[in-house]
């Protein structure tokens, strides 16, 4: 028998709202001021709460960063759900829509600024194992794997994950190299068309293994 979800009390909703406001402030600090200004005190100021409130919900800066990663994953899941709600039923068309969304997303100033600053922040927090960076891209790889599994039905899960990892690397790499390649709109259009084609080849396993 399904367990009924316990109704949220006003106090619980208020707590969730405060935590969400703190995470949003953390995101805005990265976007507007950069990773060097990412501190619990600055986030508290941006959120309009006391430092003790931030530390109540997120005991350390790493706890806050992990919440920021979860928020980032949730944002992309919501975007993908919205995309799929209007996408055609055909798996090829759906995958092309995903790639178009992803390539357009990494071309925006907001996305480039956020991820470049987030990478820098994670490096300053992380140990040599790269755990936080791994956690960030595990979210991306998991989401891409779902689209590839739909497109390449019958493919082994391990192979789907390999393809998703390569595809994630290509898309994220565009954050850095897109502008360095060219600032000419016509050439950027050609680059994106090539990226579309390569993405499809990766997803279908048509890239040589050796």
N, C-alpha and C. Protein backbone atom coordinates (compact mmCIF):
# COMPACT_ATOMS: atom_id res chain seq x y z
N UNK A 1 0.85 -1.20 0.00
CA UNK A 1 0.00 0.00 0.00
C UNK A 1 0.88 1.25 0.00
N UNK A 2 0.65 2.21 -0.93
CA UNK A 2 1.49 3.40 -0.99
C UNK A 2 1.43 4.20 0.31
N UNK A 3 2.57 4.75 0.67
CA UNK A 3 2.62 5.59 1.86
C UNK A 3 2.25 7.01 1.47
N UNK A 4 1.29 7.56 2.16
CA UNK A 4 0.88 8.92 1.86
C UNK A 4 1.96 9.91 2.29
N UNK A 5 2.18 10.89 1.40
CA UNK A 5 3.17 11.91 1.72
C UNK A 5 2.66 12.79 2.84
N UNK A 6 3.49 12.99 3.82
CA UNK A 6 3.11 13.80 4.97
C UNK A 6 3.00 15.26 4.56
N UNK A 7 1.88 15.92 4.88
CA UNK A 7 1.73 17.32 4.48
C UNK A 7 2.81 18.20 5.09
N UNK A 8 3.25 19.18 4.32
CA UNK A 8 4.26 20.11 4.84
C UNK A 8 3.62 21.06 5.82
N UNK A 9 4.28 21.27 6.94
CA UNK A 9 3.81 22.25 7.90
C UNK A 9 4.33 23.60 7.48
N UNK A 10 3.71 24.69 7.95
CA UNK A 10 4.23 26.02 7.62
C UNK A 10 5.69 26.19 7.99
N UNK A 11 6.09 25.64 9.14
CA UNK A 11 7.48 25.77 9.58
C UNK A 11 8.42 25.06 8.62
N UNK A 12 8.01 23.84 8.16
CA UNK A 12 8.85 23.08 7.25
C UNK A 12 8.97 23.80 5.91
N UNK A 13 7.85 24.35 5.42
CA UNK A 13 7.88 25.08 4.15
C UNK A 13 8.79 26.30 4.27
N UNK A 14 8.71 26.97 5.40
CA UNK A 14 9.54 28.15 5.62
C UNK A 14 11.02 27.76 5.59
N UNK A 15 11.35 26.62 6.20
CA UNK A 15 12.73 26.15 6.21
C UNK A 15 13.21 25.83 4.81
N UNK A 16 12.36 25.16 4.02
CA UNK A 16 12.71 24.85 2.64
C UNK A 16 12.92 26.12 1.83
N UNK A 17 12.06 27.10 2.06
CA UNK A 17 12.18 28.38 1.33
C UNK A 17 13.49 29.07 1.68
N UNK A 18 13.87 29.04 2.95
CA UNK A 18 15.11 29.69 3.36
C UNK A 18 16.32 28.99 2.74
N UNK A 19 16.33 27.66 2.78
CA UNK A 19 17.44 26.91 2.19
C UNK A 19 17.54 27.19 0.70
N UNK A 20 16.40 27.24 0.01
CA UNK A 20 16.39 27.52 -1.42
C UNK A 20 16.91 28.93 -1.71
N UNK A 21 16.53 29.86 -0.85
CA UNK A 21 16.99 31.24 -1.03
C UNK A 21 18.51 31.33 -0.85
N UNK A 22 19.05 30.57 0.06
CA UNK A 22 20.50 30.55 0.29
C UNK A 22 21.22 29.96 -0.92
N UNK A 23 20.70 28.87 -1.45
CA UNK A 23 21.32 28.25 -2.63
C UNK A 23 21.26 29.19 -3.82
N UNK A 24 20.15 29.87 -4.00
CA UNK A 24 20.03 30.84 -5.09
C UNK A 24 21.05 31.97 -4.91
N UNK A 25 21.22 32.43 -3.69
CA UNK A 25 22.21 33.47 -3.42
C UNK A 25 23.61 32.98 -3.75
N UNK A 26 23.90 31.72 -3.43
CA UNK A 26 25.21 31.14 -3.75
C UNK A 26 25.43 31.13 -5.25
N UNK A 27 24.41 30.78 -6.00
CA UNK A 27 24.50 30.79 -7.47
C UNK A 27 24.77 32.20 -7.99
N UNK A 28 24.06 33.16 -7.42
CA UNK A 28 24.22 34.55 -7.86
C UNK A 28 25.60 35.10 -7.53
N UNK A 29 26.16 34.70 -6.39
CA UNK A 29 27.52 35.13 -6.04
C UNK A 29 28.50 34.66 -7.10
N UNK A 30 28.39 33.40 -7.50
CA UNK A 30 29.28 32.88 -8.54
C UNK A 30 29.11 33.66 -9.84
N UNK A 31 27.87 33.90 -10.22
CA UNK A 31 27.59 34.56 -11.49
C UNK A 31 28.08 36.01 -11.50
N UNK A 32 27.80 36.73 -10.42
CA UNK A 32 28.03 38.17 -10.40
C UNK A 32 29.41 38.57 -9.88
N UNK A 33 29.95 37.78 -8.94
CA UNK A 33 31.18 38.20 -8.27
C UNK A 33 32.34 37.23 -8.47
N UNK A 34 32.06 36.01 -8.85
CA UNK A 34 33.12 35.05 -9.11
C UNK A 34 33.45 34.18 -7.91
N UNK A 35 34.19 33.11 -8.17
CA UNK A 35 34.45 32.11 -7.14
C UNK A 35 35.27 32.64 -5.97
N UNK A 36 36.10 33.67 -6.22
CA UNK A 36 36.95 34.22 -5.16
C UNK A 36 36.11 34.86 -4.05
N UNK A 37 34.89 35.28 -4.38
CA UNK A 37 34.02 35.92 -3.40
C UNK A 37 33.01 34.95 -2.79
N UNK A 38 33.16 33.67 -3.11
CA UNK A 38 32.20 32.68 -2.62
C UNK A 38 32.56 32.29 -1.20
N UNK A 39 31.91 32.93 -0.24
CA UNK A 39 32.11 32.61 1.18
C UNK A 39 30.75 32.52 1.84
N UNK A 40 30.71 31.83 2.96
CA UNK A 40 29.44 31.70 3.69
C UNK A 40 28.91 33.08 4.08
N UNK A 41 29.81 33.96 4.48
CA UNK A 41 29.39 35.30 4.91
C UNK A 41 28.80 36.09 3.74
N UNK A 42 29.46 36.02 2.57
CA UNK A 42 28.95 36.75 1.42
C UNK A 42 27.63 36.19 0.93
N UNK A 43 27.49 34.87 1.00
CA UNK A 43 26.23 34.25 0.60
C UNK A 43 25.11 34.68 1.55
N UNK A 44 25.41 34.72 2.85
CA UNK A 44 24.41 35.16 3.83
C UNK A 44 23.95 36.59 3.54
N UNK A 45 24.93 37.45 3.24
CA UNK A 45 24.60 38.84 2.94
C UNK A 45 23.73 38.93 1.69
N UNK A 46 24.09 38.15 0.69
CA UNK A 46 23.33 38.18 -0.57
C UNK A 46 21.90 37.66 -0.36
N UNK A 47 21.76 36.65 0.49
CA UNK A 47 20.45 36.07 0.75
C UNK A 47 19.62 36.90 1.72
N UNK A 48 20.25 37.86 2.41
CA UNK A 48 19.54 38.67 3.38
C UNK A 48 19.23 37.95 4.67
N UNK A 49 20.13 37.02 5.05
CA UNK A 49 19.95 36.28 6.29
C UNK A 49 21.24 36.36 7.11
N UNK A 50 21.16 35.97 8.37
CA UNK A 50 22.36 35.94 9.22
C UNK A 50 23.25 34.76 8.84
N UNK A 51 24.53 34.90 9.09
CA UNK A 51 25.48 33.83 8.83
C UNK A 51 25.06 32.56 9.56
N UNK A 52 24.55 32.70 10.77
CA UNK A 52 24.11 31.52 11.54
C UNK A 52 22.99 30.75 10.83
N UNK A 53 22.15 31.48 10.08
CA UNK A 53 21.10 30.82 9.32
C UNK A 53 21.68 29.96 8.21
N UNK A 54 22.69 30.49 7.54
CA UNK A 54 23.34 29.72 6.48
C UNK A 54 23.97 28.47 7.07
N UNK A 55 24.67 28.63 8.19
CA UNK A 55 25.37 27.50 8.81
C UNK A 55 24.39 26.50 9.43
N UNK A 56 23.18 26.92 9.72
CA UNK A 56 22.17 26.00 10.23
C UNK A 56 21.79 24.99 9.14
N UNK A 57 21.61 25.48 7.92
CA UNK A 57 21.21 24.61 6.81
C UNK A 57 22.40 23.94 6.14
N UNK A 58 23.54 24.63 6.12
CA UNK A 58 24.74 24.11 5.44
C UNK A 58 25.93 24.34 6.37
N UNK A 59 26.35 23.28 7.03
CA UNK A 59 27.35 23.42 8.09
C UNK A 59 28.69 23.94 7.59
N UNK A 60 29.06 23.57 6.38
CA UNK A 60 30.34 24.01 5.81
C UNK A 60 30.12 24.53 4.40
N UNK A 61 31.15 25.15 3.87
CA UNK A 61 31.06 25.64 2.49
C UNK A 61 30.89 24.48 1.52
N UNK A 62 31.50 23.33 1.83
CA UNK A 62 31.35 22.18 0.96
C UNK A 62 29.91 21.69 0.93
N UNK A 63 29.23 21.69 2.09
CA UNK A 63 27.83 21.30 2.12
C UNK A 63 26.99 22.24 1.24
N UNK A 64 27.30 23.51 1.28
CA UNK A 64 26.57 24.48 0.45
C UNK A 64 26.86 24.23 -1.03
N UNK A 65 28.10 23.93 -1.35
CA UNK A 65 28.45 23.67 -2.75
C UNK A 65 27.74 22.42 -3.25
N UNK A 66 27.66 21.40 -2.42
CA UNK A 66 26.96 20.18 -2.84
C UNK A 66 25.48 20.48 -3.10
N UNK A 67 24.89 21.34 -2.29
CA UNK A 67 23.50 21.74 -2.52
C UNK A 67 23.38 22.51 -3.82
N UNK A 68 24.40 23.30 -4.13
CA UNK A 68 24.42 24.05 -5.38
C UNK A 68 24.51 23.10 -6.58
N UNK A 69 25.28 22.03 -6.45
CA UNK A 69 25.37 21.03 -7.52
C UNK A 69 24.02 20.35 -7.72
N UNK A 70 23.37 20.00 -6.61
CA UNK A 70 22.05 19.36 -6.70
C UNK A 70 21.04 20.30 -7.37
N UNK A 71 21.12 21.58 -7.03
CA UNK A 71 20.24 22.57 -7.64
C UNK A 71 20.50 22.69 -9.14
N UNK A 72 21.77 22.64 -9.52
CA UNK A 72 22.12 22.72 -10.94
C UNK A 72 21.56 21.52 -11.69
N UNK A 73 21.71 20.33 -11.12
CA UNK A 73 21.15 19.13 -11.73
C UNK A 73 19.64 19.23 -11.87
N UNK A 74 18.98 19.74 -10.84
CA UNK A 74 17.52 19.86 -10.86
C UNK A 74 17.06 20.84 -11.94
N UNK A 75 17.82 21.91 -12.11
CA UNK A 75 17.49 22.90 -13.15
C UNK A 75 17.53 22.27 -14.53
N UNK A 76 18.58 21.46 -14.77
CA UNK A 76 18.70 20.83 -16.09
C UNK A 76 17.65 19.74 -16.27
N UNK A 77 17.35 19.00 -15.22
CA UNK A 77 16.30 17.99 -15.34
C UNK A 77 14.96 18.66 -15.70
N UNK A 78 14.68 19.79 -15.08
CA UNK A 78 13.44 20.51 -15.38
C UNK A 78 13.43 21.00 -16.83
N UNK A 79 14.59 21.48 -17.30
CA UNK A 79 14.68 21.94 -18.68
C UNK A 79 14.48 20.79 -19.65
N UNK A 80 15.08 19.64 -19.34
CA UNK A 80 14.92 18.47 -20.20
C UNK A 80 13.46 17.99 -20.21
N UNK A 81 12.82 17.99 -19.05
CA UNK A 81 11.42 17.58 -18.98
C UNK A 81 10.54 18.50 -19.84
N UNK A 82 10.83 19.79 -19.77
CA UNK A 82 10.08 20.76 -20.57
C UNK A 82 10.33 20.53 -22.05
N UNK A 83 11.57 20.23 -22.38
CA UNK A 83 11.94 19.96 -23.77
C UNK A 83 11.20 18.73 -24.30
N UNK A 84 11.21 17.66 -23.50
CA UNK A 84 10.60 16.41 -23.93
C UNK A 84 9.08 16.52 -24.04
N UNK A 85 8.49 17.41 -23.27
CA UNK A 85 7.03 17.55 -23.29
C UNK A 85 6.53 18.03 -24.65
N UNK A 86 7.38 18.73 -25.40
CA UNK A 86 6.96 19.26 -26.70
C UNK A 86 7.73 18.63 -27.86
N UNK A 87 8.67 17.74 -27.54
CA UNK A 87 9.48 17.11 -28.58
C UNK A 87 8.69 16.02 -29.29
N UNK A 88 9.01 15.73 -30.55
CA UNK A 88 8.34 14.64 -31.27
C UNK A 88 8.59 13.30 -30.59
N UNK A 89 7.78 12.31 -30.91
CA UNK A 89 7.94 10.98 -30.33
C UNK A 89 9.14 10.24 -30.90
N UNK A 90 9.56 10.62 -32.10
CA UNK A 90 10.67 9.94 -32.76
C UNK A 90 11.96 10.12 -31.97
N UNK A 91 12.66 9.03 -31.60
CA UNK A 91 13.88 9.14 -30.79
C UNK A 91 14.97 9.99 -31.43
N UNK A 92 15.10 9.93 -32.75
CA UNK A 92 16.12 10.73 -33.43
C UNK A 92 15.81 12.22 -33.28
N UNK A 93 14.56 12.58 -33.50
CA UNK A 93 14.16 13.98 -33.36
C UNK A 93 14.33 14.46 -31.93
N UNK A 94 14.02 13.60 -30.98
CA UNK A 94 14.16 13.97 -29.57
C UNK A 94 15.63 14.20 -29.21
N UNK A 95 16.49 13.33 -29.72
CA UNK A 95 17.92 13.49 -29.43
C UNK A 95 18.45 14.76 -30.08
N UNK A 96 18.04 15.03 -31.31
CA UNK A 96 18.48 16.27 -31.97
C UNK A 96 18.03 17.50 -31.20
N UNK A 97 16.83 17.44 -30.64
CA UNK A 97 16.33 18.56 -29.83
C UNK A 97 17.18 18.75 -28.59
N UNK A 98 17.59 17.64 -27.98
CA UNK A 98 18.46 17.72 -26.81
C UNK A 98 19.79 18.37 -27.16
N UNK A 99 20.40 17.94 -28.27
CA UNK A 99 21.70 18.49 -28.66
C UNK A 99 21.57 19.97 -28.99
N UNK A 100 20.49 20.33 -29.68
CA UNK A 100 20.27 21.74 -30.00
C UNK A 100 20.16 22.57 -28.72
N UNK A 101 19.38 22.08 -27.77
CA UNK A 101 19.25 22.78 -26.48
C UNK A 101 20.62 22.92 -25.81
N UNK A 102 21.38 21.83 -25.75
CA UNK A 102 22.66 21.82 -25.04
C UNK A 102 23.67 22.77 -25.68
N UNK A 103 23.74 22.77 -27.01
CA UNK A 103 24.70 23.62 -27.70
C UNK A 103 24.30 25.09 -27.60
N UNK A 104 23.01 25.35 -27.63
CA UNK A 104 22.56 26.73 -27.43
C UNK A 104 22.82 27.18 -26.00
N UNK A 105 22.61 26.28 -25.05
CA UNK A 105 22.81 26.61 -23.64
C UNK A 105 24.27 26.99 -23.36
N UNK A 106 25.22 26.18 -23.85
CA UNK A 106 26.63 26.47 -23.54
C UNK A 106 27.15 27.69 -24.28
N UNK A 107 26.36 28.20 -25.21
CA UNK A 107 26.79 29.41 -25.94
C UNK A 107 26.39 30.69 -25.23
N UNK A 108 25.52 30.59 -24.21
CA UNK A 108 25.06 31.80 -23.53
C UNK A 108 26.11 32.31 -22.53
N UNK A 109 26.09 33.60 -22.32
CA UNK A 109 27.02 34.19 -21.36
C UNK A 109 26.77 33.64 -19.97
N UNK A 110 25.51 33.50 -19.60
CA UNK A 110 25.17 33.06 -18.25
C UNK A 110 25.73 31.67 -17.96
N UNK A 111 25.55 30.74 -18.89
CA UNK A 111 26.04 29.38 -18.68
C UNK A 111 27.56 29.35 -18.65
N UNK A 112 28.20 30.04 -19.58
CA UNK A 112 29.66 30.05 -19.62
C UNK A 112 30.22 30.65 -18.32
N UNK A 113 29.67 31.75 -17.90
CA UNK A 113 30.13 32.40 -16.67
C UNK A 113 29.95 31.48 -15.46
N UNK A 114 28.76 30.89 -15.35
CA UNK A 114 28.46 30.05 -14.19
C UNK A 114 29.40 28.86 -14.11
N UNK A 115 29.55 28.13 -15.22
CA UNK A 115 30.34 26.91 -15.15
C UNK A 115 31.84 27.19 -15.03
N UNK A 116 32.33 28.20 -15.65
CA UNK A 116 33.76 28.52 -15.49
C UNK A 116 34.06 28.88 -14.04
N UNK A 117 33.18 29.66 -13.42
CA UNK A 117 33.38 30.00 -12.02
C UNK A 117 33.16 28.79 -11.11
N UNK A 118 32.18 27.94 -11.46
CA UNK A 118 31.93 26.75 -10.66
C UNK A 118 33.12 25.81 -10.71
N UNK A 119 33.69 25.60 -11.90
CA UNK A 119 34.88 24.75 -12.02
C UNK A 119 35.99 25.26 -11.11
N UNK A 120 36.21 26.57 -11.15
CA UNK A 120 37.27 27.16 -10.32
C UNK A 120 37.00 26.95 -8.84
N UNK A 121 35.74 27.11 -8.45
CA UNK A 121 35.37 26.91 -7.05
C UNK A 121 35.59 25.47 -6.63
N UNK A 122 35.17 24.52 -7.45
CA UNK A 122 35.32 23.11 -7.09
C UNK A 122 36.78 22.72 -6.95
N UNK A 123 37.62 23.28 -7.80
CA UNK A 123 39.05 22.98 -7.72
C UNK A 123 39.64 23.49 -6.41
N UNK A 124 39.18 24.66 -5.95
CA UNK A 124 39.72 25.20 -4.70
C UNK A 124 39.25 24.40 -3.50
N UNK A 125 38.07 23.78 -3.60
CA UNK A 125 37.52 23.02 -2.48
C UNK A 125 37.95 21.57 -2.48
N UNK A 126 38.20 21.04 -3.66
CA UNK A 126 38.34 19.61 -3.81
C UNK A 126 39.70 19.10 -3.38
N UNK A 127 39.74 17.80 -3.07
CA UNK A 127 41.02 17.15 -2.87
C UNK A 127 41.49 16.60 -4.20
N UNK A 128 42.62 15.92 -4.21
CA UNK A 128 43.20 15.47 -5.46
C UNK A 128 42.38 14.40 -6.16
N UNK A 129 41.43 13.81 -5.45
CA UNK A 129 40.60 12.78 -6.06
C UNK A 129 39.56 13.37 -7.02
N UNK A 130 39.33 14.69 -6.93
CA UNK A 130 38.36 15.32 -7.82
C UNK A 130 36.92 14.92 -7.56
N UNK A 131 36.58 14.66 -6.31
CA UNK A 131 35.25 14.13 -5.98
C UNK A 131 34.12 15.07 -6.39
N UNK A 132 34.26 16.35 -6.13
CA UNK A 132 33.18 17.27 -6.43
C UNK A 132 32.96 17.42 -7.93
N UNK A 133 34.04 17.50 -8.68
CA UNK A 133 33.89 17.55 -10.13
C UNK A 133 33.24 16.28 -10.66
N UNK A 134 33.64 15.15 -10.10
CA UNK A 134 33.02 13.88 -10.49
C UNK A 134 31.53 13.90 -10.21
N UNK A 135 31.15 14.42 -9.05
CA UNK A 135 29.73 14.46 -8.68
C UNK A 135 28.95 15.36 -9.64
N UNK A 136 29.56 16.48 -10.04
CA UNK A 136 28.89 17.39 -10.96
C UNK A 136 28.61 16.70 -12.29
N UNK A 137 29.59 16.03 -12.83
CA UNK A 137 29.41 15.43 -14.16
C UNK A 137 28.74 14.08 -14.13
N UNK A 138 28.66 13.46 -12.97
CA UNK A 138 27.86 12.25 -12.85
C UNK A 138 26.39 12.57 -13.14
N UNK A 139 25.93 13.74 -12.71
CA UNK A 139 24.57 14.18 -12.97
C UNK A 139 24.36 14.32 -14.48
N UNK A 140 25.29 14.99 -15.14
CA UNK A 140 25.21 15.22 -16.58
C UNK A 140 25.21 13.90 -17.34
N UNK A 141 26.13 13.02 -16.98
CA UNK A 141 26.26 11.74 -17.68
C UNK A 141 25.01 10.89 -17.51
N UNK A 142 24.44 10.91 -16.30
CA UNK A 142 23.21 10.14 -16.05
C UNK A 142 22.07 10.63 -16.93
N UNK A 143 21.94 11.94 -17.05
CA UNK A 143 20.85 12.49 -17.85
C UNK A 143 21.05 12.20 -19.34
N UNK A 144 22.27 12.35 -19.83
CA UNK A 144 22.56 12.06 -21.23
C UNK A 144 22.37 10.58 -21.53
N UNK A 145 22.69 9.73 -20.57
CA UNK A 145 22.54 8.28 -20.76
C UNK A 145 21.10 7.92 -21.07
N UNK A 146 20.16 8.59 -20.42
CA UNK A 146 18.76 8.31 -20.67
C UNK A 146 18.36 8.58 -22.11
N UNK A 147 18.86 9.69 -22.66
CA UNK A 147 18.55 10.03 -24.05
C UNK A 147 19.21 9.06 -25.02
N UNK A 148 20.45 8.67 -24.73
CA UNK A 148 21.16 7.75 -25.62
C UNK A 148 20.51 6.37 -25.59
N UNK A 149 20.08 5.93 -24.41
CA UNK A 149 19.41 4.63 -24.30
C UNK A 149 18.14 4.59 -25.13
N UNK A 150 17.44 5.70 -25.18
CA UNK A 150 16.22 5.78 -25.98
C UNK A 150 16.55 5.73 -27.47
N UNK A 151 17.64 6.40 -27.85
CA UNK A 151 18.04 6.45 -29.26
C UNK A 151 18.64 5.14 -29.74
N UNK A 152 19.47 4.53 -28.88
CA UNK A 152 20.19 3.31 -29.26
C UNK A 152 19.68 2.14 -28.43
N UNK A 153 18.42 1.79 -28.61
CA UNK A 153 17.80 0.72 -27.83
C UNK A 153 18.56 -0.59 -27.99
N UNK A 154 18.71 -1.31 -26.87
CA UNK A 154 19.41 -2.59 -26.90
C UNK A 154 20.89 -2.50 -26.63
N UNK A 155 21.42 -1.29 -26.51
CA UNK A 155 22.84 -1.11 -26.21
C UNK A 155 23.09 -1.38 -24.74
N UNK A 156 24.20 -2.02 -24.43
CA UNK A 156 24.54 -2.35 -23.05
C UNK A 156 24.71 -1.08 -22.21
N UNK A 157 24.26 -1.10 -20.95
CA UNK A 157 24.36 0.08 -20.10
C UNK A 157 25.77 0.65 -20.00
N UNK A 158 26.78 -0.21 -19.91
CA UNK A 158 28.16 0.28 -19.79
C UNK A 158 28.56 1.06 -21.03
N UNK A 159 28.15 0.59 -22.20
CA UNK A 159 28.47 1.28 -23.45
C UNK A 159 27.71 2.60 -23.56
N UNK A 160 26.46 2.60 -23.10
CA UNK A 160 25.68 3.84 -23.10
C UNK A 160 26.37 4.89 -22.25
N UNK A 161 26.87 4.47 -21.10
CA UNK A 161 27.55 5.43 -20.21
C UNK A 161 28.84 5.95 -20.84
N UNK A 162 29.56 5.08 -21.56
CA UNK A 162 30.77 5.55 -22.25
C UNK A 162 30.42 6.64 -23.26
N UNK A 163 29.39 6.36 -24.04
CA UNK A 163 28.99 7.34 -25.06
C UNK A 163 28.52 8.63 -24.41
N UNK A 164 27.78 8.52 -23.31
CA UNK A 164 27.31 9.72 -22.60
C UNK A 164 28.47 10.52 -22.05
N UNK A 165 29.50 9.84 -21.57
CA UNK A 165 30.67 10.53 -21.02
C UNK A 165 31.41 11.30 -22.11
N UNK A 166 31.58 10.67 -23.28
CA UNK A 166 32.26 11.34 -24.39
C UNK A 166 31.41 12.53 -24.86
N UNK A 167 30.11 12.33 -24.94
CA UNK A 167 29.23 13.41 -25.38
C UNK A 167 29.25 14.57 -24.39
N UNK A 168 29.22 14.27 -23.09
CA UNK A 168 29.29 15.31 -22.07
C UNK A 168 30.59 16.11 -22.21
N UNK A 169 31.69 15.41 -22.48
CA UNK A 169 32.98 16.09 -22.63
C UNK A 169 32.96 17.03 -23.83
N UNK A 170 32.33 16.60 -24.92
CA UNK A 170 32.26 17.46 -26.10
C UNK A 170 31.43 18.71 -25.83
N UNK A 171 30.26 18.52 -25.23
CA UNK A 171 29.38 19.65 -24.97
C UNK A 171 30.02 20.63 -23.99
N UNK A 172 30.58 20.11 -22.90
CA UNK A 172 31.21 20.99 -21.91
C UNK A 172 32.44 21.68 -22.50
N UNK A 173 33.15 20.98 -23.37
CA UNK A 173 34.31 21.60 -24.01
C UNK A 173 33.95 22.81 -24.83
N UNK A 174 32.73 22.83 -25.37
CA UNK A 174 32.28 23.98 -26.16
C UNK A 174 32.19 25.25 -25.32
N UNK A 175 32.01 25.10 -24.03
CA UNK A 175 32.00 26.27 -23.14
C UNK A 175 33.30 27.05 -23.30
N UNK A 176 34.40 26.32 -23.43
CA UNK A 176 35.73 26.94 -23.49
C UNK A 176 36.15 27.28 -24.91
N UNK A 177 35.95 26.35 -25.85
CA UNK A 177 36.58 26.50 -27.16
C UNK A 177 35.70 27.19 -28.21
N UNK A 178 34.41 27.32 -27.94
CA UNK A 178 33.52 27.88 -28.95
C UNK A 178 33.98 29.27 -29.40
N UNK A 179 34.19 30.16 -28.45
CA UNK A 179 34.63 31.51 -28.78
C UNK A 179 36.05 31.56 -29.29
N UNK A 180 36.89 30.64 -28.80
CA UNK A 180 38.28 30.62 -29.25
C UNK A 180 38.39 30.16 -30.70
N UNK A 181 37.45 29.32 -31.13
CA UNK A 181 37.46 28.83 -32.51
C UNK A 181 37.24 29.98 -33.48
N UNK A 182 36.22 30.77 -33.25
CA UNK A 182 35.91 31.90 -34.12
C UNK A 182 34.81 32.74 -33.50
N UNK A 183 34.81 34.02 -33.83
CA UNK A 183 33.71 34.90 -33.42
C UNK A 183 32.83 35.27 -34.61
N UNK A 184 33.13 34.70 -35.75
CA UNK A 184 32.34 34.95 -36.95
C UNK A 184 31.05 34.14 -36.89
N UNK A 185 29.88 34.78 -36.96
CA UNK A 185 28.61 34.06 -36.83
C UNK A 185 28.45 32.91 -37.83
N UNK A 186 28.88 33.13 -39.06
CA UNK A 186 28.73 32.08 -40.07
C UNK A 186 29.60 30.87 -39.73
N UNK A 187 30.81 31.14 -39.22
CA UNK A 187 31.70 30.03 -38.86
C UNK A 187 31.22 29.32 -37.60
N UNK A 188 30.67 30.08 -36.67
CA UNK A 188 30.08 29.46 -35.47
C UNK A 188 28.94 28.54 -35.86
N UNK A 189 28.14 28.96 -36.83
CA UNK A 189 27.03 28.13 -37.30
C UNK A 189 27.55 26.82 -37.89
N UNK A 190 28.65 26.90 -38.65
CA UNK A 190 29.25 25.69 -39.21
C UNK A 190 29.78 24.78 -38.11
N UNK A 191 30.39 25.39 -37.10
CA UNK A 191 30.92 24.61 -35.97
C UNK A 191 29.80 23.87 -35.26
N UNK A 192 28.69 24.55 -35.02
CA UNK A 192 27.56 23.93 -34.33
C UNK A 192 26.95 22.80 -35.16
N UNK A 193 26.91 23.00 -36.48
CA UNK A 193 26.40 21.94 -37.35
C UNK A 193 27.29 20.70 -37.28
N UNK A 194 28.62 20.94 -37.24
CA UNK A 194 29.55 19.82 -37.12
C UNK A 194 29.37 19.13 -35.75
N UNK A 195 29.16 19.93 -34.72
CA UNK A 195 28.97 19.35 -33.38
C UNK A 195 27.70 18.50 -33.34
N UNK A 196 26.64 18.95 -34.00
CA UNK A 196 25.41 18.16 -34.08
C UNK A 196 25.69 16.79 -34.69
N UNK A 197 26.42 16.80 -35.80
CA UNK A 197 26.72 15.55 -36.48
C UNK A 197 27.57 14.61 -35.65
N UNK A 198 28.59 15.16 -35.00
CA UNK A 198 29.46 14.34 -34.15
C UNK A 198 28.69 13.77 -32.97
N UNK A 199 27.81 14.58 -32.39
CA UNK A 199 27.00 14.11 -31.25
C UNK A 199 26.17 12.89 -31.64
N UNK A 200 25.56 12.93 -32.81
CA UNK A 200 24.77 11.80 -33.27
C UNK A 200 25.65 10.58 -33.48
N UNK A 201 26.83 10.76 -34.04
CA UNK A 201 27.74 9.64 -34.27
C UNK A 201 28.19 9.03 -32.95
N UNK A 202 28.44 9.86 -31.96
CA UNK A 202 28.83 9.36 -30.63
C UNK A 202 27.70 8.53 -30.03
N UNK A 203 26.49 9.08 -30.07
CA UNK A 203 25.35 8.41 -29.45
C UNK A 203 25.05 7.07 -30.11
N UNK A 204 25.26 6.98 -31.41
CA UNK A 204 24.97 5.73 -32.13
C UNK A 204 26.16 4.77 -32.14
N UNK A 205 27.26 5.17 -31.52
CA UNK A 205 28.42 4.28 -31.44
C UNK A 205 29.18 4.15 -32.74
N UNK A 206 29.16 5.18 -33.56
CA UNK A 206 29.83 5.14 -34.86
C UNK A 206 31.22 5.74 -34.85
N UNK A 207 31.69 6.08 -33.67
CA UNK A 207 33.07 6.56 -33.51
C UNK A 207 33.96 5.34 -33.28
N UNK A 208 35.04 5.19 -34.03
CA UNK A 208 35.90 4.01 -33.86
C UNK A 208 36.40 3.88 -32.42
N UNK A 209 36.47 2.66 -31.93
CA UNK A 209 36.92 2.42 -30.56
C UNK A 209 38.42 2.46 -30.44
N UNK A 210 39.12 2.27 -31.54
CA UNK A 210 40.58 2.27 -31.48
C UNK A 210 41.13 3.26 -32.50
